Amino acid sequence: MAFAPDGTTYAAIAMVVNSFCVYIRSHSDGSGVMSGWMPPHFARTLPRVAYSRDSQRLVVAGSDEVVRVWSISRGRLSHVLEGHERAVA
């Protein structure tokens, strides 16, 4: 779980039917802001989430050696950074 630096949202990763889903929720009322599914091989260990300093992007990393950057304002995956030799923490 991670809290946005601007205090407006928080992010969490949940396992749903053997897949991981990233949820971003409003801090004030818990309403959904964004959600997205990770590929089935995404994590064999607990994934990591972190916000950018401006609270506009969420970085998600798992044991699949890929970093995914989500655009919160667009509500979608914006970058996939591959090529890491080990799990990204």
Protein backbone atom coordinates (compact mmCIF):
# COMPACT_ATOMS: atom_id res chain seq x y z
CA MET A 1 0.00 0.00 0.00
CA ALA A 2 1.17 3.52 -0.76
CA PHE A 3 -0.23 6.98 -0.05
CA ALA A 4 0.00 9.78 -2.61
CA PRO A 5 2.28 12.64 -1.51
CA ASP A 6 -0.55 15.13 -2.12
CA GLY A 7 -2.84 13.15 0.21
CA THR A 8 -5.66 12.67 -2.30
CA THR A 9 -5.39 8.94 -3.06
CA TYR A 10 -3.89 5.66 -1.91
CA ALA A 11 -2.91 2.59 -3.90
CA ALA A 12 -3.04 -1.08 -3.03
CA ILE A 13 -2.49 -4.37 -4.79
CA ALA A 14 -4.92 -7.21 -4.17
CA MET A 15 -4.95 -10.80 -5.32
CA VAL A 16 -8.22 -11.69 -7.03
CA VAL A 17 -8.71 -15.19 -8.46
CA ASN A 18 -4.96 -15.88 -8.82
CA SER A 19 -4.25 -12.51 -10.49
CA PHE A 20 -3.14 -9.19 -9.04
CA CYS A 21 -5.12 -5.99 -9.44
CA VAL A 22 -3.86 -2.48 -8.69
CA TYR A 23 -6.48 -0.27 -7.04
CA ILE A 24 -6.25 3.47 -6.57
CA ARG A 25 -8.84 4.94 -4.24
CA SER A 26 -9.79 8.39 -3.06
CA HIS A 27 -8.44 9.05 0.42
CA SER A 28 -11.47 11.15 1.39
CA ASP A 29 -14.28 8.68 0.62
CA GLY A 30 -12.70 5.44 -0.65
CA SER A 31 -14.28 5.72 -4.10
CA GLY A 32 -12.45 4.11 -6.99
CA VAL A 33 -10.15 6.33 -9.03
CA MET A 34 -8.49 3.66 -11.16
CA SER A 35 -7.84 -0.07 -11.30
CA GLY A 36 -5.84 -2.30 -13.57
CA TRP A 37 -4.91 -5.96 -13.87
CA MET A 38 -1.38 -7.34 -13.80
CA PRO A 39 -0.35 -10.35 -15.89
CA PRO A 40 -0.64 -13.75 -14.15
CA HIS A 41 3.16 -14.16 -13.86
CA PHE A 42 3.52 -10.66 -12.33
CA ALA A 43 4.42 -11.65 -8.78
CA ARG A 44 5.68 -14.65 -6.97
CA THR A 45 6.50 -12.36 -4.04
CA LEU A 46 4.72 -9.31 -2.62
CA PRO A 47 4.64 -6.55 -5.27
CA ARG A 48 5.76 -2.98 -4.57
CA VAL A 49 3.93 0.26 -5.31
CA ALA A 50 5.16 3.86 -5.10
CA TYR A 51 3.82 7.23 -6.19
CA SER A 52 5.76 9.84 -8.13
CA ARG A 53 6.50 13.03 -6.19
CA ASP A 54 3.75 14.90 -8.05
CA SER A 55 1.18 12.14 -7.32
CA GLN A 56 0.42 11.79 -11.06
CA ARG A 57 2.00 8.38 -11.63
CA LEU A 58 2.10 5.08 -9.80
CA VAL A 59 5.06 2.74 -10.21
CA VAL A 60 4.37 -0.97 -9.73
CA ALA A 61 7.08 -3.63 -9.59
CA GLY A 62 6.89 -7.37 -9.07
CA SER A 63 9.06 -10.42 -9.33
CA ASP A 64 8.59 -10.61 -13.12
CA GLU A 65 11.54 -8.18 -13.63
CA VAL A 66 9.27 -5.51 -15.16
CA VAL A 67 8.39 -2.04 -13.86
CA ARG A 68 4.99 -0.67 -14.84
CA VAL A 69 4.16 3.02 -14.69
CA TRP A 70 0.49 3.95 -14.46
CA SER A 71 -0.85 7.40 -15.35
CA ILE A 72 -3.40 8.23 -12.70
CA SER A 73 -4.97 11.12 -14.62
CA ARG A 74 -5.43 8.96 -17.72
CA GLY A 75 -6.38 5.89 -15.73
CA ARG A 76 -4.16 3.54 -17.72
CA LEU A 77 -0.76 1.95 -18.03
CA SER A 78 1.62 4.45 -19.61
CA HIS A 79 5.03 2.72 -19.61
CA VAL A 80 6.40 -0.80 -19.31
CA LEU A 81 10.09 -0.90 -18.41
CA GLU A 82 11.56 -4.31 -19.20
CA GLY A 83 15.09 -5.70 -19.16
CA HIS A 84 15.82 -5.91 -15.45
CA GLU A 85 17.87 -8.95 -14.53
CA ARG A 86 16.18 -9.56 -11.20
CA ALA A 87 12.96 -8.77 -9.39
CA VAL A 88 12.56 -5.04 -8.82
CA ALA A 89 11.97 -3.94 -5.24
